[in-house]
C-alpha atoms as a PDB file:
ATOM      1  CA  MET A   1     -23.947  42.920 104.580  1.00  0.00           C
ATOM      2  CA  ALA A   2     -24.054  41.684 100.935  1.00  0.00           C
ATOM      3  CA  ARG A   3     -21.633  39.024  99.958  1.00  0.00           C
ATOM      4  CA  PRO A   4     -19.342  39.962  97.070  1.00  0.00           C
ATOM      5  CA  ARG A   5     -20.154  38.185  93.690  1.00  0.00           C
ATOM      6  CA  ARG A   6     -17.568  35.699  92.506  1.00  0.00           C
ATOM      7  CA  GLN A   7     -16.349  36.503  89.027  1.00  0.00           C
ATOM      8  CA  CYS A   8     -15.600  33.710  86.469  1.00  0.00           C
ATOM      9  CA  PRO A   9     -12.107  33.604  85.261  1.00  0.00           C
ATOM     10  CA  ARG A  10     -11.655  35.024  81.799  1.00  0.00           C
ATOM     11  CA  ALA A  11     -10.354  31.693  80.566  1.00  0.00           C
ATOM     12  CA  TRP A  12     -13.807  30.161  80.972  1.00  0.00           C
ATOM     13  CA  ALA A  13     -15.611  32.800  78.929  1.00  0.00           C
ATOM     14  CA  PRO A  14     -15.096  31.236  75.480  1.00  0.00           C
ATOM     15  CA  LEU A  15     -16.193  27.838  76.773  1.00  0.00           C
ATOM     16  CA  LEU A  16     -19.412  29.268  78.210  1.00  0.00           C
ATOM     17  CA  LEU A  17     -20.187  30.969  74.924  1.00  0.00           C
ATOM     18  CA  LEU A  18     -19.804  27.690  73.079  1.00  0.00           C
ATOM     19  CA  LEU A  19     -22.119  25.872  75.514  1.00  0.00           C
ATOM     20  CA  LEU A  20     -24.782  28.546  75.255  1.00  0.00           C
ATOM     21  CA  ALA A  21     -24.637  28.530  71.450  1.00  0.00           C
ATOM     22  CA  GLY A  22     -25.690  24.876  71.305  1.00  0.00           C
ATOM     23  CA  PRO A  23     -24.292  22.078  69.104  1.00  0.00           C
ATOM     24  CA  VAL A  24     -22.204  23.173  66.191  1.00  0.00           C
ATOM     25  CA  ALA A  25     -23.369  21.924  62.725  1.00  0.00           C
ATOM     26  CA  CYS A  26     -20.561  20.169  60.968  1.00  0.00           C
ATOM     27  CA  ALA A  27     -20.216  20.291  57.174  1.00  0.00           C
ATOM     28  CA  ALA A  28     -21.355  17.062  55.652  1.00  0.00           C
ATOM     29  CA  SER A  29     -19.235  15.214  53.199  1.00  0.00           C
ATOM     30  CA  PRO A  30     -20.602  14.498  49.729  1.00  0.00           C
ATOM     31  CA  ALA A  31     -21.117  10.906  50.803  1.00  0.00           C
ATOM     32  CA  ASP A  32     -23.378  11.878  53.760  1.00  0.00           C
ATOM     33  CA  ASP A  33     -27.154  12.129  53.613  1.00  0.00           C
ATOM     34  CA  GLY A  34     -28.513  15.240  51.961  1.00  0.00           C
ATOM     35  CA  ALA A  35     -25.147  16.322  50.537  1.00  0.00           C
ATOM     36  CA  GLY A  36     -25.905  15.556  46.877  1.00  0.00           C
ATOM     37  CA  ALA A  37     -26.619  18.213  44.319  1.00  0.00           C
ATOM     38  CA  GLY A  38     -30.209  19.467  44.442  1.00  0.00           C
ATOM     39  CA  GLY A  39     -30.652  18.313  48.027  1.00  0.00           C
ATOM     40  CA  ARG A  40     -30.875  14.622  47.198  1.00  0.00           C
ATOM     41  CA  GLY A  41     -30.885  12.084  49.973  1.00  0.00           C
ATOM     42  CA  PRO A  42     -29.294   8.668  50.363  1.00  0.00           C
ATOM     43  CA  ARG A  43     -28.564   6.768  47.113  1.00  0.00           C
ATOM     44  CA  GLY A  44     -29.538   9.799  45.106  1.00  0.00           C
ATOM     45  CA  ARG A  45     -33.249   9.941  46.152  1.00  0.00           C
ATOM     46  CA  ALA A  46     -34.723  13.425  46.272  1.00  0.00           C
ATOM     47  CA  ARG A  47     -35.991  14.638  49.636  1.00  0.00           C
ATOM     48  CA  GLY A  48     -39.650  13.901  50.015  1.00  0.00           C
ATOM     49  CA  ASP A  49     -39.497  10.686  47.999  1.00  0.00           C
ATOM     50  CA  SER A  50     -41.185   7.657  49.389  1.00  0.00           C
ATOM     51  CA  GLY A  51     -37.810   6.023  49.855  1.00  0.00           C
ATOM     52  CA  SER A  52     -38.859   2.847  48.059  1.00  0.00           C
ATOM     53  CA  ASP A  53     -36.356   1.051  45.880  1.00  0.00           C
ATOM     54  CA  GLU A  54     -38.738   1.132  42.917  1.00  0.00           C
ATOM     55  CA  ALA A  55     -38.073   4.848  42.435  1.00  0.00           C
ATOM     56  CA  VAL A  56     -34.346   4.238  41.991  1.00  0.00           C
ATOM     57  CA  PRO A  57     -33.034   1.918  39.209  1.00  0.00           C
ATOM     58  CA  ARG A  58     -30.694  -0.636  40.589  1.00  0.00           C
ATOM     59  CA  HIS A  59     -27.220  -0.756  39.042  1.00  0.00           C
ATOM     60  CA  ASP A  60     -27.288  -4.456  38.276  1.00  0.00           C
ATOM     61  CA  SER A  61     -30.725  -4.246  36.648  1.00  0.00           C
ATOM     62  CA  SER A  62     -29.802  -1.330  34.397  1.00  0.00           C
ATOM     63  CA  TYR A  63     -26.568  -3.044  33.333  1.00  0.00           C
ATOM     64  CA  GLY A  64     -28.385  -6.241  32.502  1.00  0.00           C
ATOM     65  CA  THR A  65     -30.878  -4.368  30.338  1.00  0.00           C
ATOM     66  CA  PHE A  66     -28.091  -2.527  28.508  1.00  0.00           C
ATOM     67  CA  ALA A  67     -26.116  -5.730  27.908  1.00  0.00           C
ATOM     68  CA  GLY A  68     -29.159  -7.509  26.518  1.00  0.00           C
ATOM     69  CA  GLU A  69     -30.060  -4.676  24.157  1.00  0.00           C
ATOM     70  CA  PHE A  70     -26.453  -4.350  22.996  1.00  0.00           C
ATOM     71  CA  TYR A  71     -26.246  -8.069  22.223  1.00  0.00           C
ATOM     72  CA  ASP A  72     -29.515  -8.017  20.309  1.00  0.00           C
ATOM     73  CA  LEU A  73     -28.446  -5.071  18.182  1.00  0.00           C
ATOM     74  CA  ARG A  74     -24.813  -6.021  17.711  1.00  0.00           C
ATOM     75  CA  TYR A  75     -24.776  -9.762  17.279  1.00  0.00           C
ATOM     76  CA  LEU A  76     -28.235 -10.938  16.258  1.00  0.00           C
ATOM     77  CA  SER A  77     -29.509 -10.656  12.727  1.00  0.00           C
ATOM     78  CA  GLU A  78     -33.148 -10.153  11.840  1.00  0.00           C
ATOM     79  CA  GLU A  79     -33.597 -13.916  11.674  1.00  0.00           C
ATOM     80  CA  GLY A  80     -32.168 -14.291  15.149  1.00  0.00           C
ATOM     81  CA  TYR A  81     -28.953 -16.092  14.171  1.00  0.00           C
ATOM     82  CA  PRO A  82     -25.869 -14.880  16.020  1.00  0.00           C
ATOM     83  CA  PHE A  83     -22.800 -13.574  14.222  1.00  0.00           C
ATOM     84  CA  PRO A  84     -24.113 -13.170  10.647  1.00  0.00           C
ATOM     85  CA  THR A  85     -21.707 -14.114   7.889  1.00  0.00           C
ATOM     86  CA  ALA A  86     -20.376 -11.196   5.839  1.00  0.00           C
ATOM     87  CA  PRO A  87     -21.213 -11.272   2.127  1.00  0.00           C
ATOM     88  CA  PRO A  88     -18.483 -12.856  -0.018  1.00  0.00           C
ATOM     89  CA  VAL A  89     -15.891 -10.464  -1.399  1.00  0.00           C
ATOM     90  CA  ASP A  90     -14.095 -11.159  -4.659  1.00  0.00           C
ATOM     91  CA  PRO A  91     -10.398 -11.187  -3.667  1.00  0.00           C
ATOM     92  CA  PHE A  92      -9.317 -10.504  -7.242  1.00  0.00           C
ATOM     93  CA  ALA A  93     -11.322  -8.402  -9.689  1.00  0.00           C
ATOM     94  CA  LYS A  94     -11.527 -10.118 -13.050  1.00  0.00           C
ATOM     95  CA  ILE A  95      -9.613  -8.614 -15.937  1.00  0.00           C
ATOM     96  CA  LYS A  96     -11.852  -6.688 -18.317  1.00  0.00           C
ATOM     97  CA  VAL A  97     -11.075  -7.143 -21.999  1.00  0.00           C
ATOM     98  CA  ASP A  98     -13.755  -4.708 -23.175  1.00  0.00           C
ATOM     99  CA  ASP A  99     -11.373  -1.883 -22.258  1.00  0.00           C
ATOM    100  CA  CYS A 100      -8.601  -3.202 -24.513  1.00  0.00           C
ATOM    101  CA  GLY A 101      -7.578  -0.633 -27.102  1.00  0.00           C
ATOM    102  CA  LYS A 102      -9.608   2.043 -25.320  1.00  0.00           C
ATOM    103  CA  THR A 103      -8.414   2.698 -21.782  1.00  0.00           C
ATOM    104  CA  LYS A 104      -5.588   0.161 -21.756  1.00  0.00           C
ATOM    105  CA  GLY A 105      -3.331  -1.721 -24.123  1.00  0.00           C
ATOM    106  CA  CYS A 106      -3.614  -5.497 -24.493  1.00  0.00           C
ATOM    107  CA  PHE A 107      -1.721  -8.432 -25.981  1.00  0.00           C
ATOM    108  CA  ARG A 108      -3.476 -11.738 -26.526  1.00  0.00           C
ATOM    109  CA  TYR A 109      -1.779 -14.948 -27.567  1.00  0.00           C
ATOM    110  CA  GLY A 110      -3.747 -18.099 -28.299  1.00  0.00           C
ATOM    111  CA  LYS A 111      -7.024 -18.960 -29.947  1.00  0.00           C
ATOM    112  CA  PRO A 112      -8.713 -16.195 -31.999  1.00  0.00           C
ATOM    113  CA  GLY A 113     -11.292 -14.363 -29.905  1.00  0.00           C
ATOM    114  CA  CYS A 114      -9.789 -15.470 -26.592  1.00  0.00           C
ATOM    115  CA  ASN A 115      -9.901 -13.319 -23.472  1.00  0.00           C
ATOM    116  CA  ALA A 116      -7.930 -13.014 -20.244  1.00  0.00           C
ATOM    117  CA  GLU A 117      -9.327 -16.328 -18.988  1.00  0.00           C
ATOM    118  CA  THR A 118      -8.947 -18.381 -22.154  1.00  0.00           C
ATOM    119  CA  CYS A 119      -5.840 -17.068 -23.947  1.00  0.00           C
ATOM    120  CA  ASP A 120      -2.605 -18.998 -23.610  1.00  0.00           C
ATOM    121  CA  TYR A 121      -1.090 -15.676 -22.556  1.00  0.00           C
ATOM    122  CA  PHE A 122      -2.628 -12.285 -21.803  1.00  0.00           C
ATOM    123  CA  LEU A 123      -1.101  -8.908 -20.899  1.00  0.00           C
ATOM    124  CA  SER A 124      -2.607  -5.469 -20.364  1.00  0.00           C
ATOM    125  CA  TYR A 125      -1.097  -2.129 -19.361  1.00  0.00           C
ATOM    126  CA  ARG A 126      -2.446   1.324 -18.554  1.00  0.00           C
ATOM    127  CA  MET A 127      -1.247   4.552 -17.007  1.00  0.00           C
ATOM    128  CA  ILE A 128      -2.424   5.450 -13.495  1.00  0.00           C
ATOM    129  CA  GLY A 129      -0.793   8.675 -12.363  1.00  0.00           C
ATOM    130  CA  ALA A 130       2.950   8.136 -12.171  1.00  0.00           C
ATOM    131  CA  ASP A 131       2.567   4.342 -12.380  1.00  0.00           C
ATOM    132  CA  VAL A 132       1.829   1.737 -15.017  1.00  0.00           C
ATOM    133  CA  GLU A 133      -0.613  -0.977 -14.012  1.00  0.00           C
ATOM    134  CA  PHE A 134       0.048  -4.394 -15.532  1.00  0.00           C
ATOM    135  CA  GLU A 135      -2.283  -7.381 -15.658  1.00  0.00           C
ATOM    136  CA  LEU A 136      -0.885 -10.791 -16.594  1.00  0.00           C
ATOM    137  CA  SER A 137      -2.529 -14.170 -17.048  1.00  0.00           C
ATOM    138  CA  ALA A 138      -1.395 -17.477 -18.539  1.00  0.00           C
ATOM    139  CA  ASP A 139      -2.523 -21.070 -18.809  1.00  0.00           C
ATOM    140  CA  THR A 140       0.002 -22.487 -16.340  1.00  0.00           C
ATOM    141  CA  ASP A 141       0.345 -23.528 -12.719  1.00  0.00           C
ATOM    142  CA  GLY A 142       3.798 -21.960 -12.351  1.00  0.00           C
ATOM    143  CA  TRP A 143       4.624 -18.443 -13.496  1.00  0.00           C
ATOM    144  CA  VAL A 144       3.789 -15.765 -16.053  1.00  0.00           C
ATOM    145  CA  ALA A 145       6.101 -12.891 -16.973  1.00  0.00           C
ATOM    146  CA  VAL A 146       6.737  -9.909 -19.206  1.00  0.00           C
ATOM    147  CA  GLY A 147      10.185  -8.689 -20.188  1.00  0.00           C
ATOM    148  CA  PHE A 148      11.277  -5.256 -21.418  1.00  0.00           C
ATOM    149  CA  SER A 149      14.006  -5.570 -24.020  1.00  0.00           C
ATOM    150  CA  SER A 150      15.913  -3.349 -26.430  1.00  0.00           C
ATOM    151  CA  ASP A 151      15.702  -6.170 -28.987  1.00  0.00           C
ATOM    152  CA  LYS A 152      13.649  -9.315 -29.465  1.00  0.00           C
ATOM    153  CA  LYS A 153      16.204 -11.595 -27.868  1.00  0.00           C
ATOM    154  CA  MET A 154      16.695 -12.716 -24.279  1.00  0.00           C
ATOM    155  CA  GLY A 155      19.686 -11.235 -22.482  1.00  0.00           C
ATOM    156  CA  GLY A 156      20.016  -8.034 -20.513  1.00  0.00           C
ATOM    157  CA  ASP A 157      16.254  -7.734 -20.027  1.00  0.00           C
ATOM    158  CA  ASP A 158      14.200  -6.308 -17.173  1.00  0.00           C
ATOM    159  CA  VAL A 159      11.584  -8.940 -16.261  1.00  0.00           C
ATOM    160  CA  MET A 160       8.526  -8.866 -14.004  1.00  0.00           C
ATOM    161  CA  ALA A 161       7.101 -12.284 -13.133  1.00  0.00           C
ATOM    162  CA  CYS A 162       4.138 -13.522 -11.121  1.00  0.00           C
ATOM    163  CA  VAL A 163       5.063 -16.803  -9.464  1.00  0.00           C
ATOM    164  CA  HIS A 164       2.712 -19.353  -7.925  1.00  0.00           C
ATOM    165  CA  ASP A 165       4.423 -20.856  -4.869  1.00  0.00           C
ATOM    166  CA  ASP A 166       3.790 -24.071  -2.955  1.00  0.00           C
ATOM    167  CA  ASN A 167       1.588 -22.264  -0.419  1.00  0.00           C
ATOM    168  CA  GLY A 168      -0.915 -21.309  -3.083  1.00  0.00           C
ATOM    169  CA  ARG A 169       0.095 -17.635  -3.168  1.00  0.00           C
ATOM    170  CA  VAL A 170       1.000 -15.636  -6.264  1.00  0.00           C
ATOM    171  CA  ARG A 171       3.955 -13.321  -5.672  1.00  0.00           C
ATOM    172  CA  VAL A 172       5.357 -10.642  -7.975  1.00  0.00           C
ATOM    173  CA  GLN A 173       9.114 -10.954  -8.413  1.00  0.00           C
ATOM    174  CA  HIS A 174      11.746  -8.974 -10.296  1.00  0.00           C
ATOM    175  CA  PHE A 175      14.325 -10.691 -12.532  1.00  0.00           C
ATOM    176  CA  TYR A 176      17.146  -9.751 -14.856  1.00  0.00           C
ATOM    177  CA  ASN A 177      17.981 -11.962 -17.811  1.00  0.00           C
ATOM    178  CA  VAL A 178      21.610 -12.967 -18.005  1.00  0.00           C
ATOM    179  CA  GLY A 179      21.727 -14.748 -21.347  1.00  0.00           C
ATOM    180  CA  GLN A 180      19.095 -17.481 -21.135  1.00  0.00           C
ATOM    181  CA  TRP A 181      19.106 -17.484 -17.341  1.00  0.00           C
ATOM    182  CA  ALA A 182      16.860 -15.293 -15.163  1.00  0.00           C
ATOM    183  CA  LYS A 183      18.465 -13.907 -12.008  1.00  0.00           C
ATOM    184  CA  GLU A 184      16.164 -12.666  -9.264  1.00  0.00           C
ATOM    185  CA  ILE A 185      16.807  -9.059  -8.197  1.00  0.00           C
ATOM    186  CA  GLN A 186      15.993  -8.062  -4.637  1.00  0.00           C
ATOM    187  CA  ARG A 187      15.134  -4.519  -5.649  1.00  0.00           C
ATOM    188  CA  ASN A 188      11.521  -4.956  -6.724  1.00  0.00           C
ATOM    189  CA  PRO A 189       9.716  -1.954  -8.249  1.00  0.00           C
ATOM    190  CA  ALA A 190       6.279  -3.610  -7.999  1.00  0.00           C
ATOM    191  CA  ARG A 191       3.644  -2.132  -5.715  1.00  0.00           C
ATOM    192  CA  ASP A 192      -0.038  -2.803  -4.961  1.00  0.00           C
ATOM    193  CA  GLU A 193       0.466  -6.368  -6.118  1.00  0.00           C
ATOM    194  CA  GLU A 194      -2.240  -9.019  -6.046  1.00  0.00           C
ATOM    195  CA  GLY A 195      -2.619 -12.394  -7.657  1.00  0.00           C
ATOM    196  CA  VAL A 196      -4.655 -15.571  -7.764  1.00  0.00           C
ATOM    197  CA  PHE A 197      -4.327 -19.145  -8.991  1.00  0.00           C
ATOM    198  CA  GLU A 198      -7.617 -20.510 -10.307  1.00  0.00           C
ATOM    199  CA  ASN A 199      -8.633 -22.988 -12.998  1.00  0.00           C
ATOM    200  CA  ASN A 200      -4.984 -23.856 -13.629  1.00  0.00           C
ATOM    201  CA  ARG A 201      -4.215 -20.213 -14.447  1.00  0.00           C
ATOM    202  CA  VAL A 202      -1.834 -17.767 -12.832  1.00  0.00           C
ATOM    203  CA  THR A 203      -3.282 -14.240 -12.887  1.00  0.00           C
ATOM    204  CA  CYS A 204      -1.845 -11.128 -11.273  1.00  0.00           C
ATOM    205  CA  ARG A 205      -2.045  -7.355 -11.187  1.00  0.00           C
ATOM    206  CA  PHE A 206       0.573  -4.850 -10.011  1.00  0.00           C
ATOM    207  CA  LYS A 207       1.803  -1.304 -10.481  1.00  0.00           C
ATOM    208  CA  ARG A 208       5.267  -0.101 -11.348  1.00  0.00           C
ATOM    209  CA  PRO A 209       6.660   3.453 -11.495  1.00  0.00           C
ATOM    210  CA  VAL A 210       7.126   4.949 -14.932  1.00  0.00           C
ATOM    211  CA  ASN A 211      10.369   6.708 -14.040  1.00  0.00           C
ATOM    212  CA  VAL A 212      12.980   5.103 -11.799  1.00  0.00           C
ATOM    213  CA  PRO A 213      16.507   6.108 -10.764  1.00  0.00           C
ATOM    214  CA  ARG A 214      19.118   4.935 -13.213  1.00  0.00           C
ATOM    215  CA  ASP A 215      19.625   1.218 -12.770  1.00  0.00           C
ATOM    216  CA  GLU A 216      20.876  -1.454 -15.136  1.00  0.00           C
ATOM    217  CA  THR A 217      18.207  -3.947 -14.075  1.00  0.00           C
ATOM    218  CA  ILE A 218      15.199  -1.578 -14.127  1.00  0.00           C
ATOM    219  CA  VAL A 219      14.259   0.262 -17.305  1.00  0.00           C
ATOM    220  CA  ASP A 220      12.338   3.515 -17.624  1.00  0.00           C
ATOM    221  CA  LEU A 221       8.921   2.698 -18.974  1.00  0.00           C
ATOM    222  CA  HIS A 222       8.416   6.129 -20.507  1.00  0.00           C
ATOM    223  CA  LEU A 223      10.743   4.824 -23.230  1.00  0.00           C
ATOM    224  CA  SER A 224       9.559   2.278 -25.785  1.00  0.00           C
ATOM    225  CA  TRP A 225      10.673  -1.345 -25.500  1.00  0.00           C
ATOM    226  CA  TYR A 226      10.048  -4.696 -27.111  1.00  0.00           C
ATOM    227  CA  TYR A 227       7.846  -6.820 -24.872  1.00  0.00           C
ATOM    228  CA  LEU A 228       8.813 -10.440 -24.272  1.00  0.00           C
ATOM    229  CA  PHE A 229       6.022 -12.782 -23.189  1.00  0.00           C
ATOM    230  CA  ALA A 230       6.768 -15.986 -21.303  1.00  0.00           C
ATOM    231  CA  TRP A 231       5.207 -18.499 -18.930  1.00  0.00           C
ATOM    232  CA  GLY A 232       6.067 -21.910 -17.564  1.00  0.00           C
ATOM    233  CA  PRO A 233       6.188 -24.277 -14.568  1.00  0.00           C
ATOM    234  CA  ALA A 234       7.654 -23.549 -11.163  1.00  0.00           C
ATOM    235  CA  ILE A 235       9.348 -25.830  -8.661  1.00  0.00           C
ATOM    236  CA  GLN A 236       8.990 -24.877  -4.989  1.00  0.00           C
ATOM    237  CA  GLY A 237       8.205 -21.307  -5.944  1.00  0.00           C
ATOM    238  CA  SER A 238      11.162 -20.966  -8.332  1.00  0.00           C
ATOM    239  CA  ILE A 239      10.675 -20.423 -12.047  1.00  0.00           C
ATOM    240  CA  THR A 240      11.971 -22.955 -14.566  1.00  0.00           C
ATOM    241  CA  ARG A 241      12.289 -22.952 -18.345  1.00  0.00           C
ATOM    242  CA  HIS A 242       9.324 -21.501 -20.232  1.00  0.00           C
ATOM    243  CA  ASP A 243       6.752 -23.775 -21.820  1.00  0.00           C
ATOM    244  CA  ILE A 244       7.588 -23.095 -25.476  1.00  0.00           C
ATOM    245  CA  ASP A 245      11.004 -22.862 -27.105  1.00  0.00           C
ATOM    246  CA  SER A 246      10.342 -19.540 -28.830  1.00  0.00           C
ATOM    247  CA  PRO A 247       8.081 -17.385 -26.624  1.00  0.00           C
ATOM    248  CA  PRO A 248       6.140 -14.689 -28.480  1.00  0.00           C
ATOM    249  CA  THR A 249       7.372 -11.100 -28.591  1.00  0.00           C
ATOM    250  CA  SER A 250       5.840  -7.835 -29.724  1.00  0.00           C
ATOM    251  CA  GLU A 251       6.385  -7.154 -33.416  1.00  0.00           C
ATOM    252  CA  ARG A 252       7.494  -3.596 -32.672  1.00  0.00           C
ATOM    253  CA  VAL A 253       8.461  -1.493 -29.675  1.00  0.00           C
ATOM    254  CA  VAL A 254       5.619  -0.699 -27.319  1.00  0.00           C
ATOM    255  CA  SER A 255       4.766   2.731 -25.937  1.00  0.00           C
ATOM    256  CA  ILE A 256       2.803   2.809 -22.682  1.00  0.00           C
ATOM    257  CA  TYR A 257       1.140   5.996 -23.925  1.00  0.00           C
ATOM    258  CA  LYS A 258      -0.479   4.213 -26.861  1.00  0.00           C
ATOM    259  CA  TYR A 259      -3.262   1.744 -26.138  1.00  0.00           C
ATOM    260  CA  GLU A 260      -3.628  -1.053 -28.695  1.00  0.00           C
ATOM    261  CA  ASP A 261      -5.424  -4.383 -28.729  1.00  0.00           C
ATOM    262  CA  ILE A 262      -3.055  -6.838 -30.434  1.00  0.00           C
ATOM    263  CA  PHE A 263      -3.838 -10.486 -31.056  1.00  0.00           C
ATOM    264  CA  MET A 264      -1.191 -13.065 -31.912  1.00  0.00           C
ATOM    265  CA  PRO A 265      -2.317 -16.578 -32.856  1.00  0.00           C
ATOM    266  CA  SER A 266      -0.584 -19.412 -31.070  1.00  0.00           C
ATOM    267  CA  ALA A 267       1.340 -22.077 -32.968  1.00  0.00           C
ATOM    268  CA  ALA A 268      -1.737 -24.249 -33.311  1.00  0.00           C
ATOM    269  CA  TYR A 269      -3.503 -21.484 -35.244  1.00  0.00           C
ATOM    270  CA  GLN A 270      -0.515 -20.195 -37.217  1.00  0.00           C
ATOM    271  CA  THR A 271      -0.309 -23.260 -39.482  1.00  0.00           C
ATOM    272  CA  PHE A 272      -3.180 -22.290 -41.711  1.00  0.00           C
ATOM    273  CA  SER A 273      -2.652 -18.556 -41.510  1.00  0.00           C
ATOM    274  CA  SER A 274       0.883 -18.300 -42.865  1.00  0.00           C
ATOM    275  CA  PRO A 275       1.229 -17.191 -46.531  1.00  0.00           C
ATOM    276  CA  PHE A 276       3.185 -20.329 -47.455  1.00  0.00           C
ATOM    277  CA  CYS A 277       0.519 -22.644 -46.089  1.00  0.00           C
ATOM    278  CA  LEU A 278      -2.235 -20.695 -47.796  1.00  0.00           C
ATOM    279  CA  LEU A 279      -0.380 -20.941 -51.089  1.00  0.00           C
ATOM    280  CA  LEU A 280       0.118 -24.655 -50.567  1.00  0.00           C
ATOM    281  CA  ILE A 281      -3.593 -25.164 -49.862  1.00  0.00           C
ATOM    282  CA  VAL A 282      -4.557 -23.236 -53.015  1.00  0.00           C
ATOM    283  CA  ALA A 283      -2.149 -25.289 -55.137  1.00  0.00           C
ATOM    284  CA  LEU A 284      -3.417 -28.549 -53.683  1.00  0.00           C
ATOM    285  CA  THR A 285      -7.021 -27.556 -54.243  1.00  0.00           C
ATOM    286  CA  PHE A 286      -6.277 -26.590 -57.867  1.00  0.00           C
ATOM    287  CA  TYR A 287      -4.492 -29.880 -58.414  1.00  0.00           C
ATOM    288  CA  LEU A 288      -7.436 -31.885 -57.095  1.00  0.00           C
ATOM    289  CA  LEU A 289      -9.986 -29.984 -59.158  1.00  0.00           C
ATOM    290  CA  MET A 290      -8.046 -30.160 -62.424  1.00  0.00           C
ATOM    291  CA  GLY A 291      -7.033 -33.752 -61.934  1.00  0.00           C
ATOM    292  CA  THR A 292      -3.825 -35.357 -63.068  1.00  0.00           C
ATOM    293  CA  PRO A 293      -2.812 -35.002 -66.762  1.00  0.00           C
END
């Protein structure tokens, strides 16, 4: 009589299926072997490579090569000296006098034939868009200024001055003449200012708007004004009395739209150029030639 077959409980059926199927392949993480793109093995080597380290650049070696090449290209000149010195740059472009009367107006005071570096006083102006660019220079270690006046006298004048301070800088300041005294005004219309003190000369360049809102201390430059020229010493960056008792002024009102090149001889060269002195010289010469009666 055949013995009845024992049946496995249904609960064991899934387990038996798993055992018969063999080991289950687990998904490898990107960090595991063979998980890289293109079937690359450990440390990025392609499958089938010899596995030697020579086939794979080491990180420290590649970085060292890059750092060396970068240093050679960035910091070494052709001669091999590190950190080459940049070529010198002129901090202040010299004032050109060849443009006077052509592309800008100029006033020169001093020796005949003088320029911006040899005149006792020099001023130039020219239009640049909505601004007027001024250039000033004077034989002084203190300050140089230009005033805009409705007459030829000091008092109630708008003044722009370039002042050489104790730190060696040249600053552009705004003043308003109250009688014979210049009061500094905090509202300064100057822009793009630059200046230098060299060879005992104060030289500066700045721009100023042509039209400004109505203000007692700032005039509109589109109108014509007498120009007052002055320069003198400074004490601790503050201007003092000008060098000469009667500073020169323009003979007539100046228009910024008209470029002229005007020369005014200084006092040392006015002696023999005045009509009275010329007449006196002629009379003296005639007296010497004719002799005494």
